[in-house]
Amino acid sequence: MLENDVATIAKDWLSFLKDQYNLKLIDQNHIVLTTPITDAFDDGITVMISLIDSGDYMVSDQGYTIWNLESRGINVMKKNSNRQKNVMSIIKSENVKLSSNNDIYLIGKKHEIAQMIFNVIQAVIKIGNLGFSNFNSVRGMFLDDVTGFFETNKDQFHFLKGLQLQGKTGLSYNIDYLFMSQNPKSKVTKIYDGLAKNTVEQLLGIWFDTESIRNSNGENMEFDIIIPSLSDERQKEFANNLKSHNIIVSPFDNKEIIKNNFSFKAA
């Protein structure tokens, strides 16, 4: 009967936790706890345990959870948005705190550390799940934001949507926008929620495969990318890599750059 297995199950469970949750001393005041739990983007969840000046302890995600969501185009802290309300509801229900830097944290005594770890991790999982629930539609959500902006400002932007560009290999590539301008230069444009190594490699492949098509028959087509932001150093590095191949990356959060690069009157 199952009741006879309770002690064994409990022992095995505690052994599993001991093996899977790793504590690493960083210095005399900081310990990193690595968990076997992954977030919506398959990143492992870690928290920092810190001894602070008051003699109390702080358990914190160091702001990573919300930063990770927003760096992928999921703006969960926009004032009065439903996403922000969801975040604050989770913060309240898990009895944790949110700093001005978006750290999810708790401060308490040494004997409270285990409970603080549990609460912070629960909050991190739930807030991270705002990305998981939208994982397959993160790009779709960002594309919706981009579409809304361009549709609202059609007096400034002239474009076609939903096109395909065929490469010399015979492969066809979906193009989100083809922007026209008065100069008369057109811009083949794809929308991404962020750049990664495989994305850059894919874009370079598309660029080389379509180069002769884009430059044939007197066409003057640039290849451009729009992403949510270039505030992250890694994103800047990828963008500079693409720029060296004449693929321009524009941050959507800078509307002046968007207007300068894609409006009909753009240079």
C-alpha atoms as a PDB file:
ATOM      1  CA  MET A   1       0.000   0.000   0.000  1.00  0.00           C
ATOM      2  CA  LEU A   2       1.088   3.568  -0.686  1.00  0.00           C
ATOM      3  CA  GLU A   3       1.113   4.497   3.002  1.00  0.00           C
ATOM      4  CA  ASN A   4       3.982   2.078   3.487  1.00  0.00           C
ATOM      5  CA  ASP A   5       6.024   4.004   0.931  1.00  0.00           C
ATOM      6  CA  VAL A   6       5.694   7.432   2.530  1.00  0.00           C
ATOM      7  CA  ALA A   7       9.020   7.286   4.378  1.00  0.00           C
ATOM      8  CA  THR A   8      10.870   6.036   1.288  1.00  0.00           C
ATOM      9  CA  ILE A   9       9.311   8.666  -0.957  1.00  0.00           C
ATOM     10  CA  ALA A  10      10.172  11.420   1.523  1.00  0.00           C
ATOM     11  CA  LYS A  11      13.767  10.191   1.783  1.00  0.00           C
ATOM     12  CA  ASP A  12      14.154   9.971  -1.993  1.00  0.00           C
ATOM     13  CA  TRP A  13      12.595  13.405  -2.456  1.00  0.00           C
ATOM     14  CA  LEU A  14      14.941  15.046   0.040  1.00  0.00           C
ATOM     15  CA  SER A  15      17.891  13.289  -1.569  1.00  0.00           C
ATOM     16  CA  PHE A  16      16.769  14.587  -4.965  1.00  0.00           C
ATOM     17  CA  LEU A  17      16.549  18.151  -3.661  1.00  0.00           C
ATOM     18  CA  LYS A  18      20.014  17.886  -2.124  1.00  0.00           C
ATOM     19  CA  ASP A  19      21.494  16.637  -5.404  1.00  0.00           C
ATOM     20  CA  GLN A  20      19.676  19.016  -7.753  1.00  0.00           C
ATOM     21  CA  TYR A  21      19.837  22.295  -5.815  1.00  0.00           C
ATOM     22  CA  ASN A  22      23.412  23.558  -5.788  1.00  0.00           C
ATOM     23  CA  LEU A  23      24.749  26.172  -3.357  1.00  0.00           C
ATOM     24  CA  LYS A  24      27.969  27.967  -4.317  1.00  0.00           C
ATOM     25  CA  LEU A  25      29.828  30.403  -2.088  1.00  0.00           C
ATOM     26  CA  ILE A  26      30.753  33.532  -4.082  1.00  0.00           C
ATOM     27  CA  ASP A  27      32.353  35.444  -1.213  1.00  0.00           C
ATOM     28  CA  GLN A  28      31.836  35.856   2.522  1.00  0.00           C
ATOM     29  CA  ASN A  29      28.531  37.651   1.971  1.00  0.00           C
ATOM     30  CA  HIS A  30      27.015  35.963  -1.093  1.00  0.00           C
ATOM     31  CA  ILE A  31      25.833  32.468  -1.991  1.00  0.00           C
ATOM     32  CA  VAL A  32      24.273  31.513  -5.329  1.00  0.00           C
ATOM     33  CA  LEU A  33      21.556  28.869  -5.321  1.00  0.00           C
ATOM     34  CA  THR A  34      21.179  27.077  -8.654  1.00  0.00           C
ATOM     35  CA  THR A  35      17.948  25.131  -9.098  1.00  0.00           C
ATOM     36  CA  PRO A  36      16.962  22.418 -11.605  1.00  0.00           C
ATOM     37  CA  ILE A  37      13.975  24.551 -12.603  1.00  0.00           C
ATOM     38  CA  THR A  38      14.013  26.295 -15.979  1.00  0.00           C
ATOM     39  CA  ASP A  39      12.021  29.298 -17.105  1.00  0.00           C
ATOM     40  CA  ALA A  40      10.000  29.868 -20.269  1.00  0.00           C
ATOM     41  CA  PHE A  41      13.165  30.367 -22.282  1.00  0.00           C
ATOM     42  CA  ASP A  42      14.913  27.266 -20.913  1.00  0.00           C
ATOM     43  CA  ASP A  43      17.236  29.317 -18.703  1.00  0.00           C
ATOM     44  CA  GLY A  44      17.985  27.844 -15.292  1.00  0.00           C
ATOM     45  CA  ILE A  45      16.495  29.693 -12.318  1.00  0.00           C
ATOM     46  CA  THR A  46      19.047  30.930  -9.793  1.00  0.00           C
ATOM     47  CA  VAL A  47      18.747  33.168  -6.743  1.00  0.00           C
ATOM     48  CA  MET A  48      21.307  35.059  -4.702  1.00  0.00           C
ATOM     49  CA  ILE A  49      21.452  34.745  -0.920  1.00  0.00           C
ATOM     50  CA  SER A  50      23.182  37.778   0.588  1.00  0.00           C
ATOM     51  CA  LEU A  51      24.201  38.775   4.104  1.00  0.00           C
ATOM     52  CA  ILE A  52      23.350  42.478   4.340  1.00  0.00           C
ATOM     53  CA  ASP A  53      24.589  45.235   6.645  1.00  0.00           C
ATOM     54  CA  SER A  54      21.758  44.848   9.159  1.00  0.00           C
ATOM     55  CA  GLY A  55      22.796  41.258   9.820  1.00  0.00           C
ATOM     56  CA  ASP A  56      19.679  40.000   8.029  1.00  0.00           C
ATOM     57  CA  TYR A  57      19.660  37.947   4.856  1.00  0.00           C
ATOM     58  CA  MET A  58      18.299  38.808   1.429  1.00  0.00           C
ATOM     59  CA  VAL A  59      17.125  36.290  -1.148  1.00  0.00           C
ATOM     60  CA  SER A  60      16.841  37.857  -4.612  1.00  0.00           C
ATOM     61  CA  ASP A  61      16.642  37.050  -8.318  1.00  0.00           C
ATOM     62  CA  GLN A  62      18.749  40.212  -8.857  1.00  0.00           C
ATOM     63  CA  GLY A  63      16.207  41.537 -11.339  1.00  0.00           C
ATOM     64  CA  TYR A  64      16.917  38.840 -13.914  1.00  0.00           C
ATOM     65  CA  THR A  65      13.343  37.526 -14.294  1.00  0.00           C
ATOM     66  CA  ILE A  66      11.741  40.773 -15.414  1.00  0.00           C
ATOM     67  CA  TRP A  67      14.844  41.854 -17.360  1.00  0.00           C
ATOM     68  CA  ASN A  68      14.772  38.560 -19.265  1.00  0.00           C
ATOM     69  CA  LEU A  69      11.121  39.010 -20.208  1.00  0.00           C
ATOM     70  CA  GLU A  70      11.510  42.623 -21.264  1.00  0.00           C
ATOM     71  CA  SER A  71      14.707  41.957 -23.237  1.00  0.00           C
ATOM     72  CA  ARG A  72      12.599  39.538 -25.293  1.00  0.00           C
ATOM     73  CA  GLY A  73       9.933  42.114 -26.029  1.00  0.00           C
ATOM     74  CA  ILE A  74       7.497  41.220 -23.230  1.00  0.00           C
ATOM     75  CA  ASN A  75       6.976  44.519 -21.425  1.00  0.00           C
ATOM     76  CA  VAL A  76       5.565  43.378 -18.104  1.00  0.00           C
ATOM     77  CA  MET A  77       6.151  46.642 -16.232  1.00  0.00           C
ATOM     78  CA  LYS A  78       4.353  49.120 -18.466  1.00  0.00           C
ATOM     79  CA  LYS A  79       2.378  51.308 -16.082  1.00  0.00           C
ATOM     80  CA  ASN A  80      -1.253  50.225 -15.585  1.00  0.00           C
ATOM     81  CA  SER A  81      -0.940  47.436 -18.170  1.00  0.00           C
ATOM     82  CA  ASN A  82      -2.552  44.049 -17.563  1.00  0.00           C
ATOM     83  CA  ARG A  83       0.889  42.466 -17.472  1.00  0.00           C
ATOM     84  CA  GLN A  84       2.040  44.818 -14.734  1.00  0.00           C
ATOM     85  CA  LYS A  85      -1.131  44.070 -12.784  1.00  0.00           C
ATOM     86  CA  ASN A  86      -0.412  40.353 -13.135  1.00  0.00           C
ATOM     87  CA  VAL A  87       3.147  40.867 -11.861  1.00  0.00           C
ATOM     88  CA  MET A  88       1.990  42.853  -8.853  1.00  0.00           C
ATOM     89  CA  SER A  89      -0.711  40.277  -8.093  1.00  0.00           C
ATOM     90  CA  ILE A  90       1.943  37.532  -8.044  1.00  0.00           C
ATOM     91  CA  ILE A  91       4.229  39.651  -5.851  1.00  0.00           C
ATOM     92  CA  LYS A  92       1.397  40.063  -3.360  1.00  0.00           C
ATOM     93  CA  SER A  93       0.197  36.448  -3.415  1.00  0.00           C
ATOM     94  CA  GLU A  94       3.691  35.067  -2.872  1.00  0.00           C
ATOM     95  CA  ASN A  95       4.452  37.570  -0.090  1.00  0.00           C
ATOM     96  CA  VAL A  96       7.606  38.842  -1.768  1.00  0.00           C
ATOM     97  CA  LYS A  97       8.790  42.342  -2.626  1.00  0.00           C
ATOM     98  CA  LEU A  98       9.707  44.118  -5.851  1.00  0.00           C
ATOM     99  CA  SER A  99      12.466  46.733  -5.807  1.00  0.00           C
ATOM    100  CA  SER A 100      12.710  49.835  -7.979  1.00  0.00           C
ATOM    101  CA  ASN A 101      15.258  47.843 -10.046  1.00  0.00           C
ATOM    102  CA  ASN A 102      12.701  45.044 -10.495  1.00  0.00           C
ATOM    103  CA  ASP A 103      14.501  42.680  -8.120  1.00  0.00           C
ATOM    104  CA  ILE A 104      12.149  40.037  -6.732  1.00  0.00           C
ATOM    105  CA  TYR A 105      13.352  39.638  -3.155  1.00  0.00           C
ATOM    106  CA  LEU A 106      12.747  39.031   0.536  1.00  0.00           C
ATOM    107  CA  ILE A 107      14.726  40.053   3.619  1.00  0.00           C
ATOM    108  CA  GLY A 108      14.629  38.073   6.850  1.00  0.00           C
ATOM    109  CA  LYS A 109      16.479  36.249   9.579  1.00  0.00           C
ATOM    110  CA  LYS A 110      18.738  33.246   9.090  1.00  0.00           C
ATOM    111  CA  HIS A 111      16.069  30.785  10.212  1.00  0.00           C
ATOM    112  CA  GLU A 112      13.696  32.230   7.578  1.00  0.00           C
ATOM    113  CA  ILE A 113      16.002  31.670   4.604  1.00  0.00           C
ATOM    114  CA  ALA A 114      14.408  28.392   3.500  1.00  0.00           C
ATOM    115  CA  GLN A 115      10.938  29.953   3.392  1.00  0.00           C
ATOM    116  CA  MET A 116      12.272  33.055   1.641  1.00  0.00           C
ATOM    117  CA  ILE A 117      13.925  30.899  -1.010  1.00  0.00           C
ATOM    118  CA  PHE A 118      10.677  29.036  -1.551  1.00  0.00           C
ATOM    119  CA  ASN A 119       8.622  32.230  -1.868  1.00  0.00           C
ATOM    120  CA  VAL A 120      11.057  34.001  -4.187  1.00  0.00           C
ATOM    121  CA  ILE A 121      11.384  30.962  -6.466  1.00  0.00           C
ATOM    122  CA  GLN A 122       7.592  30.589  -6.606  1.00  0.00           C
ATOM    123  CA  ALA A 123       7.260  34.241  -7.611  1.00  0.00           C
ATOM    124  CA  VAL A 124      10.053  33.920 -10.177  1.00  0.00           C
ATOM    125  CA  ILE A 125       8.366  30.862 -11.732  1.00  0.00           C
ATOM    126  CA  LYS A 126       4.954  32.522 -11.928  1.00  0.00           C
ATOM    127  CA  ILE A 127       6.240  35.813 -13.311  1.00  0.00           C
ATOM    128  CA  GLY A 128       8.474  33.918 -15.723  1.00  0.00           C
ATOM    129  CA  ASN A 129       5.402  32.012 -16.857  1.00  0.00           C
ATOM    130  CA  LEU A 130       4.054  35.256 -18.260  1.00  0.00           C
ATOM    131  CA  GLY A 131       6.673  34.542 -20.897  1.00  0.00           C
ATOM    132  CA  PHE A 132       5.931  30.812 -21.028  1.00  0.00           C
ATOM    133  CA  SER A 133       2.244  31.337 -21.696  1.00  0.00           C
ATOM    134  CA  ASN A 134       3.256  33.492 -24.622  1.00  0.00           C
ATOM    135  CA  PHE A 135       6.435  31.656 -25.643  1.00  0.00           C
ATOM    136  CA  ASN A 136       5.140  30.649 -29.048  1.00  0.00           C
ATOM    137  CA  SER A 137       3.618  34.052 -29.605  1.00  0.00           C
ATOM    138  CA  VAL A 138       6.316  36.375 -28.260  1.00  0.00           C
ATOM    139  CA  ARG A 139       7.228  37.352 -31.803  1.00  0.00           C
ATOM    140  CA  GLY A 140       3.512  37.592 -32.584  1.00  0.00           C
ATOM    141  CA  MET A 141       2.939  40.007 -29.722  1.00  0.00           C
ATOM    142  CA  PHE A 142       5.866  42.180 -30.750  1.00  0.00           C
ATOM    143  CA  LEU A 143       4.718  42.023 -34.359  1.00  0.00           C
ATOM    144  CA  ASP A 144       1.291  43.193 -33.173  1.00  0.00           C
ATOM    145  CA  ASP A 145       2.913  46.192 -31.470  1.00  0.00           C
ATOM    146  CA  VAL A 146       4.909  47.001 -34.602  1.00  0.00           C
ATOM    147  CA  THR A 147       1.875  46.567 -36.848  1.00  0.00           C
ATOM    148  CA  GLY A 148      -0.226  48.809 -34.631  1.00  0.00           C
ATOM    149  CA  PHE A 149       2.371  51.563 -34.824  1.00  0.00           C
ATOM    150  CA  PHE A 150       2.781  51.468 -38.604  1.00  0.00           C
ATOM    151  CA  GLU A 151      -0.963  51.147 -39.253  1.00  0.00           C
ATOM    152  CA  THR A 152      -1.610  54.153 -37.018  1.00  0.00           C
ATOM    153  CA  ASN A 153       1.008  56.198 -38.841  1.00  0.00           C
ATOM    154  CA  LYS A 154       0.259  55.336 -42.466  1.00  0.00           C
ATOM    155  CA  ASP A 155       0.613  59.000 -43.362  1.00  0.00           C
ATOM    156  CA  GLN A 156       4.357  58.627 -42.641  1.00  0.00           C
ATOM    157  CA  PHE A 157       5.031  55.032 -43.707  1.00  0.00           C
ATOM    158  CA  HIS A 158       4.341  53.436 -47.089  1.00  0.00           C
ATOM    159  CA  PHE A 159       4.612  49.660 -47.039  1.00  0.00           C
ATOM    160  CA  LEU A 160       3.455  46.276 -48.249  1.00  0.00           C
ATOM    161  CA  LYS A 161       3.025  43.306 -45.913  1.00  0.00           C
ATOM    162  CA  GLY A 162       3.092  39.535 -46.075  1.00  0.00           C
ATOM    163  CA  LEU A 163       5.450  39.167 -49.023  1.00  0.00           C
ATOM    164  CA  GLN A 164       7.948  36.474 -49.934  1.00  0.00           C
ATOM    165  CA  LEU A 165      11.401  36.897 -51.402  1.00  0.00           C
ATOM    166  CA  GLN A 166      12.877  34.043 -53.398  1.00  0.00           C
ATOM    167  CA  GLY A 167      16.580  33.307 -53.160  1.00  0.00           C
ATOM    168  CA  LYS A 168      18.903  31.958 -55.817  1.00  0.00           C
ATOM    169  CA  THR A 169      18.718  28.562 -54.103  1.00  0.00           C
ATOM    170  CA  GLY A 170      14.998  28.468 -54.854  1.00  0.00           C
ATOM    171  CA  LEU A 171      14.039  28.902 -51.207  1.00  0.00           C
ATOM    172  CA  SER A 172      11.342  31.451 -50.411  1.00  0.00           C
ATOM    173  CA  TYR A 173      11.609  33.686 -47.356  1.00  0.00           C
ATOM    174  CA  ASN A 174       8.716  35.371 -45.589  1.00  0.00           C
ATOM    175  CA  ILE A 175       9.117  39.135 -45.403  1.00  0.00           C
ATOM    176  CA  ASP A 176       7.164  41.063 -42.768  1.00  0.00           C
ATOM    177  CA  TYR A 177       7.337  44.460 -44.502  1.00  0.00           C
ATOM    178  CA  LEU A 178       8.531  46.068 -47.689  1.00  0.00           C
ATOM    179  CA  PHE A 179       8.936  49.783 -46.996  1.00  0.00           C
ATOM    180  CA  MET A 180       8.988  52.272 -49.853  1.00  0.00           C
ATOM    181  CA  SER A 181      10.567  55.720 -49.761  1.00  0.00           C
ATOM    182  CA  GLN A 182      10.784  58.720 -52.064  1.00  0.00           C
ATOM    183  CA  ASN A 183      14.498  58.335 -52.800  1.00  0.00           C
ATOM    184  CA  PRO A 184      13.429  55.636 -54.340  1.00  0.00           C
ATOM    185  CA  LYS A 185      14.885  53.000 -52.046  1.00  0.00           C
ATOM    186  CA  SER A 186      12.879  50.096 -50.667  1.00  0.00           C
ATOM    187  CA  LYS A 187      13.613  48.111 -47.540  1.00  0.00           C
ATOM    188  CA  VAL A 188      13.015  44.401 -47.162  1.00  0.00           C
ATOM    189  CA  THR A 189      12.287  44.160 -43.441  1.00  0.00           C
ATOM    190  CA  LYS A 190      11.909  41.317 -40.967  1.00  0.00           C
ATOM    191  CA  ILE A 191      10.693  41.605 -37.377  1.00  0.00           C
ATOM    192  CA  TYR A 192      12.377  39.713 -34.540  1.00  0.00           C
ATOM    193  CA  ASP A 193      11.740  39.767 -30.792  1.00  0.00           C
ATOM    194  CA  GLY A 194      15.514  39.621 -30.250  1.00  0.00           C
ATOM    195  CA  LEU A 195      18.803  38.568 -31.797  1.00  0.00           C
ATOM    196  CA  ALA A 196      20.768  35.433 -31.016  1.00  0.00           C
ATOM    197  CA  LYS A 197      23.710  33.661 -32.636  1.00  0.00           C
ATOM    198  CA  ASN A 198      21.499  31.348 -34.677  1.00  0.00           C
ATOM    199  CA  THR A 199      19.314  34.297 -35.726  1.00  0.00           C
ATOM    200  CA  VAL A 200      22.342  36.194 -37.019  1.00  0.00           C
ATOM    201  CA  GLU A 201      23.525  33.145 -38.938  1.00  0.00           C
ATOM    202  CA  GLN A 202      20.060  32.677 -40.423  1.00  0.00           C
ATOM    203  CA  LEU A 203      19.846  36.339 -41.467  1.00  0.00           C
ATOM    204  CA  LEU A 204      23.261  36.250 -43.110  1.00  0.00           C
ATOM    205  CA  GLY A 205      22.132  33.184 -45.036  1.00  0.00           C
ATOM    206  CA  ILE A 206      18.999  34.985 -46.232  1.00  0.00           C
ATOM    207  CA  TRP A 207      21.020  38.093 -47.118  1.00  0.00           C
ATOM    208  CA  PHE A 208      23.492  36.159 -49.285  1.00  0.00           C
ATOM    209  CA  ASP A 209      20.793  33.993 -50.878  1.00  0.00           C
ATOM    210  CA  THR A 210      18.641  36.978 -51.889  1.00  0.00           C
ATOM    211  CA  GLU A 211      21.414  39.433 -52.776  1.00  0.00           C
ATOM    212  CA  SER A 212      21.223  38.959 -56.547  1.00  0.00           C
ATOM    213  CA  ILE A 213      17.409  39.093 -56.502  1.00  0.00           C
ATOM    214  CA  ARG A 214      17.366  42.286 -54.431  1.00  0.00           C
ATOM    215  CA  ASN A 215      19.834  43.955 -56.782  1.00  0.00           C
ATOM    216  CA  SER A 216      18.364  42.705 -60.068  1.00  0.00           C
ATOM    217  CA  ASN A 217      16.234  44.607 -62.571  1.00  0.00           C
ATOM    218  CA  GLY A 218      17.370  47.947 -61.247  1.00  0.00           C
ATOM    219  CA  GLU A 219      15.886  47.220 -57.815  1.00  0.00           C
ATOM    220  CA  ASN A 220      17.481  49.024 -54.888  1.00  0.00           C
ATOM    221  CA  MET A 221      16.451  46.929 -51.895  1.00  0.00           C
ATOM    222  CA  GLU A 222      18.067  47.120 -48.490  1.00  0.00           C
ATOM    223  CA  PHE A 223      17.747  44.360 -45.904  1.00  0.00           C
ATOM    224  CA  ASP A 224      16.626  45.647 -42.499  1.00  0.00           C
ATOM    225  CA  ILE A 225      15.679  44.176 -39.141  1.00  0.00           C
ATOM    226  CA  ILE A 226      13.481  45.621 -36.375  1.00  0.00           C
ATOM    227  CA  ILE A 227      13.880  44.366 -32.798  1.00  0.00           C
ATOM    228  CA  PRO A 228      12.409  45.689 -29.524  1.00  0.00           C
ATOM    229  CA  SER A 229      15.557  47.386 -28.193  1.00  0.00           C
ATOM    230  CA  LEU A 230      19.325  47.752 -28.478  1.00  0.00           C
ATOM    231  CA  SER A 231      19.869  48.591 -24.812  1.00  0.00           C
ATOM    232  CA  ASP A 232      21.449  45.195 -24.139  1.00  0.00           C
ATOM    233  CA  GLU A 233      25.162  44.930 -24.956  1.00  0.00           C
ATOM    234  CA  ARG A 234      24.748  41.468 -26.451  1.00  0.00           C
ATOM    235  CA  GLN A 235      22.054  42.746 -28.803  1.00  0.00           C
ATOM    236  CA  LYS A 236      24.360  45.617 -29.828  1.00  0.00           C
ATOM    237  CA  GLU A 237      27.120  43.124 -30.582  1.00  0.00           C
ATOM    238  CA  PHE A 238      24.838  41.067 -32.831  1.00  0.00           C
ATOM    239  CA  ALA A 239      23.544  44.245 -34.516  1.00  0.00           C
ATOM    240  CA  ASN A 240      27.078  45.448 -35.244  1.00  0.00           C
ATOM    241  CA  ASN A 241      27.895  42.051 -36.707  1.00  0.00           C
ATOM    242  CA  LEU A 242      24.934  42.357 -39.078  1.00  0.00           C
ATOM    243  CA  LYS A 243      25.766  45.980 -39.889  1.00  0.00           C
ATOM    244  CA  SER A 244      29.176  44.888 -41.164  1.00  0.00           C
ATOM    245  CA  HIS A 245      27.228  42.980 -43.831  1.00  0.00           C
ATOM    246  CA  ASN A 246      24.964  45.961 -44.606  1.00  0.00           C
ATOM    247  CA  ILE A 247      22.039  44.565 -42.625  1.00  0.00           C
ATOM    248  CA  ILE A 248      20.732  47.400 -40.477  1.00  0.00           C
ATOM    249  CA  VAL A 249      19.091  46.640 -37.116  1.00  0.00           C
ATOM    250  CA  SER A 250      16.669  49.276 -35.784  1.00  0.00           C
ATOM    251  CA  PRO A 251      15.380  49.374 -32.173  1.00  0.00           C
ATOM    252  CA  PHE A 252      11.599  49.758 -32.045  1.00  0.00           C
ATOM    253  CA  ASP A 253      11.759  51.553 -28.696  1.00  0.00           C
ATOM    254  CA  ASN A 254      13.476  54.482 -30.437  1.00  0.00           C
ATOM    255  CA  LYS A 255      10.736  55.878 -32.650  1.00  0.00           C
ATOM    256  CA  GLU A 256      12.992  58.596 -34.056  1.00  0.00           C
ATOM    257  CA  ILE A 257      15.276  55.933 -35.503  1.00  0.00           C
ATOM    258  CA  ILE A 258      12.256  54.046 -36.841  1.00  0.00           C
ATOM    259  CA  LYS A 259      10.956  57.195 -38.554  1.00  0.00           C
ATOM    260  CA  ASN A 260      14.371  58.130 -39.916  1.00  0.00           C
ATOM    261  CA  ASN A 261      14.928  54.643 -41.318  1.00  0.00           C
ATOM    262  CA  PHE A 262      11.502  53.595 -42.593  1.00  0.00           C
ATOM    263  CA  SER A 263       9.292  56.628 -43.277  1.00  0.00           C
ATOM    264  CA  PHE A 264       8.473  57.531 -46.866  1.00  0.00           C
ATOM    265  CA  LYS A 265      10.536  60.690 -46.469  1.00  0.00           C
ATOM    266  CA  ALA A 266      13.536  58.821 -45.089  1.00  0.00           C
ATOM    267  CA  ALA A 267      16.844  59.731 -46.671  1.00  0.00           C
END
